[in-house]
Amino acid sequence: MRSKTDRETFKFSEVLAALSHALDMVEGQPEGHVVRSCYIGMTIGERIGLSEDLRSALFYALLLKDAGCSANSFRTAVLFDADDFGVKRSFKTVDWSRLPNAVLYAARSVSPQGNAWAKARQFFSVSKVLPDVGRELIQIRCERGAEITRLMGFSEETAGAIRNLDEHWDGGGHPDGLKGDEIPLLARICGLAQTAEVFYSAYGPERAEKVVRARRKRWFAPDLVDVFLAEARVGNIWENLHGDITGAISRMEPEDRSLFATPERLDLAAFAFAQIIDAKSPFTFQHSEGVANVAVAISAHMGFGPEELRNQRQAGLLHDIGKLGISNSILDKGSSLTDEEFAKIKTHPQLSYEILSRVPPFESIVERAANHHEKLDGSGYPRGLTGEDLDLPSRILTVADIYDALGQDRPYRKALPKERVMEIFDEESATKLCPESVAALKELVSKGVI
């Protein structure tokens, strides 16, 4: 039996399937949404006889269909004055191509915590841009998703499927209003699979089939609907969606097209997901990459070898993946957080731990990624670890995270000048922060390396 931690034999698709839990959170969907959508879409693809090349392209399009989902989170939260997760979750169950439905959806979604006047004011603001707001949010998401897919080296067929995920058979979709066969075949399959899964998870198989049938010739290609409904009647599509289906998904990848989790592909995945993480908020633009660069520079200065430097880069890129599970209404709040909101913020390192723990090839970076807010004196979070519990890679990553964060704007303050940043490190060195890491940072800063 192969070792689960052998990066050379672990499938890359299993890495992406595990990381898709983070994408489910951003879209406000229940855990497993992406992998269940993949199962549905691949079942359709097999039944219509797609070639192995196209099945491979479809496979990765389905696993990465939500790669652009964080790019519209900030805009969604601001536009609706609401928790972006809730807005996105309900959006997927609305037939937004029909204006009355879109108007009702907006009325129900705006300012859920506000009074009647706040709701009316926000609804007026949203109604002025209907239906353009739907096109805008979808375009941001789909274009960014396609871009990230290309960044990871996948085919144009895969990128195109994601770019056109929300086009409709009758031309009423977005972002380009493509119609019928103008819509790439793989995009047609992805769109159908996504909707079927959303309604299956929310309401059960019968409702999923009813919605797909009702949207035949409007949202979905009639031949694909017929294949899906036939499979739902005589196959085991619904029964097979129960429980953990990651293994079943892995077996649906065309065998001779399988990609493996080589160190280089893991680097690509880490870099791509760093883009997803940082797109969640305008205040974290390139933060993950900045942390990775500083962590690697400090580690190299302290004599780390090539493998450990690679681990530090991956940990830096992925340390904030848990923030994908925090609403933008909290992340981007310009005023003081309530105790409840701050407690929610403090859960993001634990969420990083839970997400990365699903990916055996990342086992060497899980602890350090999750420890980036811990301090030597036990005053950090979420676990209140002390210096005895924190290894050197974790200590370095904490210093790198603080250095990059203090130099960036945040909703509640402007970026600090470098002189003030270094004063803070002097104040906290040896009490809260690793003195060796701080000394290395200061030397690198003085030399203009970082």
Protein backbone atom coordinates (compact mmCIF):
# COMPACT_ATOMS: atom_id res chain seq x y z
CA MET A 1 0.00 0.00 0.00
CA ARG A 2 1.32 3.44 -0.89
CA SER A 3 2.17 5.91 1.84
CA LYS A 4 -0.36 8.70 2.14
CA THR A 5 2.46 11.14 2.69
CA ASP A 6 4.39 10.19 -0.43
CA ARG A 7 4.08 13.35 -2.51
CA GLU A 8 5.15 11.58 -5.65
CA THR A 9 2.28 9.05 -5.59
CA PHE A 10 -0.49 11.11 -4.02
CA LYS A 11 -2.88 12.34 -6.72
CA PHE A 12 -3.02 16.06 -7.36
CA SER A 13 -6.79 15.78 -7.71
CA GLU A 14 -6.95 14.52 -4.12
CA VAL A 15 -5.08 17.64 -3.01
CA LEU A 16 -7.54 19.89 -4.84
CA ALA A 17 -10.54 17.92 -3.59
CA ALA A 18 -9.31 18.34 -0.01
CA LEU A 19 -8.66 22.06 -0.45
CA SER A 20 -12.09 22.51 -2.04
CA HIS A 21 -13.52 22.52 1.49
CA ALA A 22 -12.24 26.09 1.69
CA LEU A 23 -14.08 26.97 -1.52
CA ASP A 24 -17.29 25.48 -0.14
CA MET A 25 -17.01 27.82 2.84
CA VAL A 26 -16.53 30.92 0.68
CA GLU A 27 -19.63 30.09 -1.35
CA GLY A 28 -21.70 29.44 1.77
CA GLN A 29 -22.24 25.85 0.69
CA PRO A 30 -22.24 22.73 2.87
CA GLU A 31 -19.04 20.74 3.08
CA GLY A 32 -18.55 18.56 0.01
CA HIS A 33 -20.40 20.77 -2.46
CA VAL A 34 -17.51 20.85 -4.93
CA VAL A 35 -16.77 17.13 -4.84
CA ARG A 36 -20.45 16.21 -5.15
CA SER A 37 -20.78 18.58 -8.11
CA CYS A 38 -17.74 16.87 -9.59
CA TYR A 39 -19.36 13.46 -9.21
CA ILE A 40 -22.56 14.61 -10.91
CA GLY A 41 -20.71 16.36 -13.74
CA MET A 42 -18.32 13.49 -14.39
CA THR A 43 -21.23 11.04 -14.45
CA ILE A 44 -22.86 13.13 -17.19
CA GLY A 45 -19.56 13.41 -19.05
CA GLU A 46 -19.07 9.66 -19.03
CA ARG A 47 -22.64 8.97 -20.19
CA ILE A 48 -22.35 11.25 -23.22
CA GLY A 49 -19.04 9.66 -24.22
CA LEU A 50 -16.56 12.49 -23.76
CA SER A 51 -13.03 11.69 -24.87
CA GLU A 52 -10.41 11.12 -22.19
CA ASP A 53 -8.86 14.51 -22.91
CA LEU A 54 -12.20 16.27 -22.44
CA ARG A 55 -13.08 14.21 -19.37
CA SER A 56 -9.76 15.22 -17.84
CA ALA A 57 -10.43 18.90 -18.63
CA LEU A 58 -13.96 18.57 -17.20
CA PHE A 59 -12.66 16.83 -14.08
CA TYR A 60 -10.41 19.72 -13.11
CA ALA A 61 -12.97 22.33 -14.15
CA LEU A 62 -15.42 20.79 -11.70
CA LEU A 63 -12.86 20.63 -8.89
CA LEU A 64 -11.83 24.26 -9.48
CA LYS A 65 -15.16 25.75 -10.56
CA ASP A 66 -15.22 27.98 -7.47
CA ALA A 67 -11.58 29.09 -7.63
CA GLY A 68 -12.71 32.67 -8.26
CA CYS A 69 -15.36 32.68 -5.56
CA SER A 70 -13.48 34.88 -3.08
CA ALA A 71 -12.93 37.67 -5.62
CA ASN A 72 -16.49 39.00 -5.29
CA SER A 73 -16.88 38.47 -1.52
CA PHE A 74 -15.99 42.03 -0.53
CA ARG A 75 -18.27 43.53 -3.21
CA THR A 76 -21.11 41.21 -2.18
CA ALA A 77 -20.86 42.13 1.51
CA VAL A 78 -20.72 45.88 0.79
CA LEU A 79 -23.48 45.88 -1.83
CA PHE A 80 -25.95 43.95 0.32
CA ASP A 81 -24.69 45.19 3.71
CA ALA A 82 -24.78 41.57 4.77
CA ASP A 83 -22.82 38.43 5.51
CA ASP A 84 -21.42 37.41 2.12
CA PHE A 85 -21.84 33.71 2.92
CA GLY A 86 -25.58 34.01 3.41
CA VAL A 87 -26.05 36.17 0.32
CA LYS A 88 -24.11 33.74 -1.85
CA ARG A 89 -25.84 30.68 -0.44
CA SER A 90 -29.33 32.02 -1.19
CA PHE A 91 -28.25 33.39 -4.59
CA LYS A 92 -27.62 29.87 -5.85
CA THR A 93 -31.22 28.85 -5.17
CA VAL A 94 -32.78 31.82 -7.00
CA ASP A 95 -33.75 31.91 -10.67
CA TRP A 96 -32.07 35.31 -10.96
CA SER A 97 -32.49 35.42 -14.75
CA ARG A 98 -36.10 36.47 -14.11
CA LEU A 99 -36.23 40.06 -12.87
CA PRO A 100 -39.10 39.64 -10.35
CA ASN A 101 -37.15 36.83 -8.68
CA ALA A 102 -33.99 38.96 -8.59
CA VAL A 103 -35.88 41.88 -7.04
CA LEU A 104 -37.45 39.67 -4.36
CA TYR A 105 -34.07 38.09 -3.63
CA ALA A 106 -32.49 41.53 -3.17
CA ALA A 107 -35.30 42.69 -0.90
CA ARG A 108 -34.89 39.65 1.33
CA SER A 109 -31.09 39.77 1.40
CA VAL A 110 -30.15 43.39 2.13
CA SER A 111 -29.18 44.60 5.61
CA PRO A 112 -30.51 41.60 7.57
CA GLN A 113 -29.37 43.18 10.86
CA GLY A 114 -30.66 46.65 10.05
CA ASN A 115 -33.94 48.40 10.85
CA ALA A 116 -36.67 49.00 8.28
CA TRP A 117 -35.12 52.29 7.15
CA ALA A 118 -31.66 50.70 6.69
CA LYS A 119 -33.18 47.85 4.69
CA ALA A 120 -35.14 50.24 2.47
CA ARG A 121 -32.10 52.43 1.85
CA GLN A 122 -29.89 49.46 0.96
CA PHE A 123 -32.57 47.93 -1.25
CA PHE A 124 -32.89 51.21 -3.15
CA SER A 125 -29.13 51.21 -3.66
CA VAL A 126 -29.14 47.63 -4.95
CA SER A 127 -32.25 48.03 -7.09
CA LYS A 128 -30.60 50.84 -9.06
CA VAL A 129 -28.04 48.38 -10.43
CA LEU A 130 -30.31 45.37 -11.01
CA PRO A 131 -29.86 43.28 -13.13
CA ASP A 132 -26.32 44.50 -13.80
CA VAL A 133 -25.20 43.55 -10.30
CA GLY A 134 -25.69 39.85 -11.04
CA ARG A 135 -23.58 40.11 -14.17
CA GLU A 136 -20.88 42.03 -12.29
CA LEU A 137 -20.59 39.55 -9.43
CA ILE A 138 -20.61 36.54 -11.76
CA GLN A 139 -18.09 38.10 -14.12
CA ILE A 140 -15.67 38.84 -11.28
CA ARG A 141 -15.97 35.29 -10.00
CA CYS A 142 -15.76 33.47 -13.34
CA GLU A 143 -12.94 35.50 -14.85
CA ARG A 144 -10.85 35.19 -11.72
CA GLY A 145 -11.53 31.46 -11.54
CA ALA A 146 -10.39 30.96 -15.12
CA GLU A 147 -7.27 33.03 -14.45
CA ILE A 148 -6.32 30.93 -11.42
CA THR A 149 -6.92 27.73 -13.37
CA ARG A 150 -4.53 28.89 -16.09
CA LEU A 151 -2.04 29.85 -13.39
CA MET A 152 -2.05 26.23 -12.25
CA GLY A 153 -1.23 25.05 -15.76
CA PHE A 154 -4.58 23.57 -16.76
CA SER A 155 -5.91 23.55 -20.31
CA GLU A 156 -7.92 26.28 -21.98
CA GLU A 157 -10.85 23.85 -22.07
CA THR A 158 -10.77 23.75 -18.27
CA ALA A 159 -10.41 27.53 -17.97
CA GLY A 160 -13.19 28.11 -20.50
CA ALA A 161 -15.57 25.82 -18.61
CA ILE A 162 -15.07 27.92 -15.49
CA ARG A 163 -15.20 31.22 -17.37
CA ASN A 164 -18.62 30.30 -18.83
CA LEU A 165 -20.02 28.37 -15.87
CA ASP A 166 -23.05 30.66 -15.46
CA GLU A 167 -24.09 31.05 -19.09
CA HIS A 168 -27.62 29.84 -19.88
CA TRP A 169 -28.93 27.87 -22.84
CA ASP A 170 -31.44 30.61 -23.71
CA GLY A 171 -28.81 33.38 -23.64
CA GLY A 172 -29.97 34.84 -20.32
CA GLY A 173 -26.83 33.98 -18.37
CA HIS A 174 -23.56 35.76 -17.63
CA PRO A 175 -20.96 37.05 -18.19
CA ASP A 176 -21.32 37.19 -22.01
CA GLY A 177 -24.91 36.13 -22.68
CA LEU A 178 -23.82 33.16 -24.77
CA LYS A 179 -26.63 31.02 -26.17
CA GLY A 180 -27.05 27.35 -27.00
CA ASP A 181 -24.03 25.73 -28.61
CA GLU A 182 -22.06 28.97 -28.22
CA ILE A 183 -21.57 27.86 -24.62
CA PRO A 184 -18.63 25.44 -24.33
CA LEU A 185 -19.85 21.89 -23.72
CA LEU A 186 -17.84 21.51 -20.52
CA ALA A 187 -19.33 24.74 -19.15
CA ARG A 188 -22.83 23.43 -19.88
CA ILE A 189 -22.07 20.30 -17.86
CA CYS A 190 -20.51 22.24 -14.98
CA GLY A 191 -23.46 24.62 -14.71
CA LEU A 192 -25.98 21.80 -14.62
CA ALA A 193 -23.97 19.78 -12.10
CA GLN A 194 -23.56 22.78 -9.81
CA THR A 195 -27.26 23.61 -9.71
CA ALA A 196 -28.30 19.99 -9.24
CA GLU A 197 -25.96 19.64 -6.26
CA VAL A 198 -27.09 22.90 -4.63
CA PHE A 199 -30.74 21.86 -4.66
CA TYR A 200 -29.91 18.26 -3.71
CA SER A 201 -28.01 19.41 -0.61
CA ALA A 202 -30.59 22.01 0.35
CA TYR A 203 -33.84 20.18 -0.42
CA GLY A 204 -33.18 16.61 -1.55
CA PRO A 205 -33.17 14.62 -4.83
CA GLU A 206 -36.78 15.26 -5.88
CA ARG A 207 -36.40 19.04 -5.69
CA ALA A 208 -33.07 18.87 -7.53
CA GLU A 209 -34.65 16.92 -10.39
CA LYS A 210 -37.66 19.24 -10.47
CA VAL A 211 -35.52 22.37 -10.75
CA VAL A 212 -33.30 20.90 -13.45
CA ARG A 213 -36.37 19.78 -15.40
CA ALA A 214 -38.01 23.22 -15.04
CA ARG A 215 -34.89 24.96 -16.35
CA ARG A 216 -34.53 22.66 -19.37
CA LYS A 217 -34.08 24.77 -22.55
CA ARG A 218 -33.74 27.92 -20.39
CA TRP A 219 -30.65 27.42 -18.22
CA PHE A 220 -29.57 23.99 -19.40
CA ALA A 221 -29.01 22.14 -22.66
CA PRO A 222 -32.00 19.78 -23.16
CA ASP A 223 -29.84 16.78 -24.12
CA LEU A 224 -27.75 17.10 -20.94
CA VAL A 225 -30.88 17.45 -18.81
CA ASP A 226 -32.28 14.27 -20.36
CA VAL A 227 -29.05 12.39 -19.62
CA PHE A 228 -29.00 13.65 -16.05
CA LEU A 229 -32.64 12.79 -15.35
CA ALA A 230 -32.24 9.32 -16.89
CA GLU A 231 -29.21 8.70 -14.68
CA ALA A 232 -31.15 9.96 -11.64
CA ARG A 233 -33.95 7.48 -12.43
CA VAL A 234 -32.01 4.33 -13.21
CA GLY A 235 -28.55 4.96 -11.79
CA ASN A 236 -27.23 5.38 -8.26
CA ILE A 237 -26.30 9.04 -8.55
CA TRP A 238 -28.06 10.18 -5.38
CA GLU A 239 -27.12 7.14 -3.30
CA ASN A 240 -23.48 7.59 -4.27
CA LEU A 241 -23.39 11.16 -2.99
CA HIS A 242 -23.72 10.11 0.64
CA GLY A 243 -20.71 10.31 2.94
CA ASP A 244 -17.11 10.93 1.92
CA ILE A 245 -16.88 10.47 -1.83
CA THR A 246 -13.32 11.75 -2.30
CA GLY A 247 -12.12 8.26 -3.22
CA ALA A 248 -14.91 7.83 -5.76
CA ILE A 249 -14.02 11.20 -7.29
CA SER A 250 -10.37 10.22 -7.56
CA ARG A 251 -11.34 7.10 -9.52
CA MET A 252 -13.33 9.18 -12.02
CA GLU A 253 -10.20 10.90 -13.30
CA PRO A 254 -9.10 9.29 -16.57
CA GLU A 255 -6.36 6.92 -15.44
CA ASP A 256 -3.79 7.74 -18.09
CA ARG A 257 -4.33 11.49 -17.52
CA SER A 258 -3.75 11.36 -13.75
CA LEU A 259 -1.57 14.10 -12.29
CA PHE A 260 0.45 13.47 -9.17
CA ALA A 261 1.25 15.77 -6.25
CA THR A 262 4.86 16.48 -7.13
CA PRO A 263 6.61 19.21 -5.14
CA GLU A 264 6.27 21.51 -8.13
CA ARG A 265 2.50 20.99 -8.36
CA LEU A 266 2.14 21.50 -4.62
CA ASP A 267 3.99 24.80 -5.06
CA LEU A 268 1.50 25.75 -7.78
CA ALA A 269 -1.46 24.79 -5.61
CA ALA A 270 -0.11 26.81 -2.68
CA PHE A 271 0.50 29.86 -4.87
CA ALA A 272 -2.91 29.60 -6.54
CA PHE A 273 -4.76 29.26 -3.24
CA ALA A 274 -2.77 32.21 -1.87
CA GLN A 275 -4.36 34.26 -4.66
CA ILE A 276 -7.78 32.97 -3.62
CA ILE A 277 -7.09 33.81 0.03
CA ASP A 278 -5.86 37.33 -0.63
CA ALA A 279 -8.72 38.13 -3.03
CA LYS A 280 -11.18 37.74 -0.14
CA SER A 281 -10.43 41.27 1.09
CA PRO A 282 -8.83 44.33 -0.54
CA PHE A 283 -6.87 44.78 2.68
CA THR A 284 -4.94 41.53 2.20
CA PHE A 285 -3.73 42.14 -1.35
CA GLN A 286 -0.57 39.98 -1.78
CA HIS A 287 -0.33 39.44 1.99
CA SER A 288 0.15 35.69 1.73
CA GLU A 289 2.89 36.04 -0.86
CA GLY A 290 4.51 38.78 1.23
CA VAL A 291 4.54 36.56 4.33
CA ALA A 292 5.99 33.67 2.32
CA ASN A 293 8.78 35.85 0.92
CA VAL A 294 9.76 37.22 4.33
CA ALA A 295 9.58 33.80 5.99
CA VAL A 296 11.81 32.29 3.32
CA ALA A 297 14.30 35.18 3.56
CA ILE A 298 14.58 34.85 7.35
CA SER A 299 14.82 31.06 7.13
CA ALA A 300 17.53 31.19 4.47
CA HIS A 301 19.45 33.73 6.57
CA MET A 302 19.27 31.28 9.50
CA GLY A 303 20.63 28.39 7.43
CA PHE A 304 17.55 26.38 6.45
CA GLY A 305 18.04 23.84 3.65
CA PRO A 306 16.11 23.68 0.34
CA GLU A 307 13.32 21.37 1.53
CA GLU A 308 12.62 23.44 4.63
CA LEU A 309 12.65 26.63 2.57
CA ARG A 310 10.04 25.09 0.28
CA ASN A 311 7.95 24.16 3.34
CA GLN A 312 8.26 27.70 4.69
CA ARG A 313 7.10 29.17 1.39
CA GLN A 314 4.09 26.84 1.21
CA ALA A 315 3.20 27.55 4.85
CA GLY A 316 3.47 31.29 4.28
CA LEU A 317 1.28 31.12 1.20
CA LEU A 318 -1.39 29.05 2.96
CA HIS A 319 -1.26 30.25 6.58
CA ASP A 320 -4.43 32.36 6.22
CA ILE A 321 -6.52 29.85 4.29
CA GLY A 322 -8.82 29.74 7.32
CA LYS A 323 -9.81 33.35 6.62
CA LEU A 324 -11.85 32.02 3.72
CA GLY A 325 -14.24 30.85 6.42
CA ILE A 326 -14.65 34.32 7.95
CA SER A 327 -17.33 36.69 6.64
CA ASN A 328 -16.21 39.92 4.98
CA SER A 329 -18.69 41.72 7.20
CA ILE A 330 -16.17 40.97 9.97
CA LEU A 331 -12.89 40.93 8.03
CA ASP A 332 -13.48 44.38 6.50
CA LYS A 333 -15.34 46.06 9.34
CA GLY A 334 -14.04 49.61 9.72
CA SER A 335 -15.14 50.05 13.34
CA SER A 336 -14.25 48.12 16.48
CA LEU A 337 -15.18 44.45 16.50
CA THR A 338 -17.60 43.15 19.08
CA ASP A 339 -16.36 40.42 21.42
CA GLU A 340 -18.30 37.89 19.37
CA GLU A 341 -16.77 39.13 16.10
CA PHE A 342 -13.25 39.12 17.49
CA ALA A 343 -13.80 35.58 18.78
CA LYS A 344 -14.78 34.60 15.24
CA ILE A 345 -11.64 36.20 13.79
CA LYS A 346 -9.55 34.22 16.27
CA THR A 347 -10.88 30.95 14.85
CA HIS A 348 -9.18 31.40 11.48
CA PRO A 349 -5.86 29.71 12.44
CA GLN A 350 -7.82 26.68 13.63
CA LEU A 351 -9.72 26.66 10.35
CA SER A 352 -6.36 26.76 8.55
CA TYR A 353 -5.34 23.72 10.57
CA GLU A 354 -8.55 21.85 9.73
CA ILE A 355 -8.31 22.58 6.00
CA LEU A 356 -4.62 21.79 5.59
CA SER A 357 -4.90 18.65 7.74
CA ARG A 358 -7.07 17.20 4.99
CA VAL A 359 -4.05 17.27 2.63
CA PRO A 360 -1.48 14.61 3.61
CA PRO A 361 1.27 16.07 1.38
CA PHE A 362 1.00 19.27 3.44
CA GLU A 363 1.39 17.54 6.80
CA SER A 364 4.81 19.13 7.41
CA ILE A 365 3.38 22.66 7.21
CA VAL A 366 0.10 22.26 9.07
CA GLU A 367 1.34 23.13 12.57
CA ARG A 368 3.39 26.15 11.59
CA ALA A 369 0.58 27.53 9.42
CA ALA A 370 -1.87 27.16 12.31
CA ASN A 371 0.55 28.73 14.82
CA HIS A 372 1.07 32.07 13.10
CA HIS A 373 -0.77 34.02 15.83
CA GLU A 374 0.79 32.20 18.78
CA LYS A 375 3.30 34.06 21.01
CA LEU A 376 6.18 32.94 23.22
CA ASP A 377 4.45 34.14 26.41
CA GLY A 378 1.19 32.31 25.69
CA SER A 379 -0.74 35.49 24.85
CA GLY A 380 -1.45 34.43 21.26
CA TYR A 381 -4.34 32.51 19.79
CA PRO A 382 -6.18 30.24 19.20
CA ARG A 383 -4.48 27.75 21.55
CA GLY A 384 -2.38 30.02 23.77
CA LEU A 385 0.80 28.06 23.09
CA THR A 386 4.09 29.12 24.69
CA GLY A 387 7.68 29.11 23.51
CA GLU A 388 8.06 25.51 24.63
CA ASP A 389 5.42 24.48 22.12
CA LEU A 390 6.60 26.54 19.15
CA ASP A 391 9.36 25.30 16.86
CA LEU A 392 11.63 27.66 14.96
CA PRO A 393 9.69 27.51 11.64
CA SER A 394 6.52 28.53 13.52
CA ARG A 395 8.31 31.38 15.28
CA ILE A 396 9.72 32.65 11.99
CA LEU A 397 6.33 32.53 10.31
CA THR A 398 4.80 34.59 13.13
CA VAL A 399 7.44 37.29 12.71
CA ALA A 400 6.95 37.28 8.93
CA ASP A 401 3.17 37.57 9.29
CA ILE A 402 3.39 40.51 11.70
CA TYR A 403 5.99 42.31 9.57
CA ASP A 404 3.90 42.13 6.40
CA ALA A 405 0.60 42.91 8.16
CA LEU A 406 1.90 46.02 9.93
CA GLY A 407 3.10 47.40 6.61
CA GLN A 408 -0.34 47.06 4.99
CA ASP A 409 -3.52 49.12 5.33
CA ARG A 410 -6.24 47.54 7.42
CA PRO A 411 -9.90 48.57 7.78
CA TYR A 412 -9.15 50.04 11.22
CA ARG A 413 -5.74 51.70 10.53
CA LYS A 414 -3.32 52.81 7.85
CA ALA A 415 -0.08 50.97 7.10
CA LEU A 416 2.58 51.76 9.69
CA PRO A 417 5.89 53.34 8.65
CA LYS A 418 8.83 50.94 8.72
CA GLU A 419 10.43 52.77 11.66
CA ARG A 420 7.37 52.16 13.83
CA VAL A 421 7.18 48.54 12.68
CA MET A 422 10.75 47.94 13.84
CA GLU A 423 10.03 49.65 17.16
CA ILE A 424 7.20 47.18 17.76
CA PHE A 425 9.55 44.27 17.09
CA ASP A 426 12.05 45.72 19.56
CA GLU A 427 9.29 45.99 22.17
CA GLU A 428 8.08 42.41 21.72
CA SER A 429 11.33 40.58 21.00
CA ALA A 430 12.13 37.83 23.54
CA THR A 431 8.81 38.30 25.35
CA LYS A 432 6.27 37.62 22.64
CA LEU A 433 8.43 37.07 19.55
CA CYS A 434 11.46 34.90 18.86
CA PRO A 435 14.58 37.10 19.36
CA GLU A 436 16.65 35.17 16.80
CA SER A 437 13.95 35.60 14.16
CA VAL A 438 13.57 39.28 14.97
CA ALA A 439 17.35 39.80 14.79
CA ALA A 440 17.45 38.12 11.38
CA LEU A 441 14.54 40.25 10.20
CA LYS A 442 16.20 43.48 11.33
CA GLU A 443 19.45 42.58 9.59
CA LEU A 444 17.64 41.77 6.36
CA VAL A 445 15.68 45.01 6.54
CA SER A 446 18.82 47.04 7.19
CA LYS A 447 20.45 45.49 4.12
CA GLY A 448 17.39 46.21 1.99
CA VAL A 449 16.80 42.49 1.31
CA ILE A 450 13.17 42.81 2.44
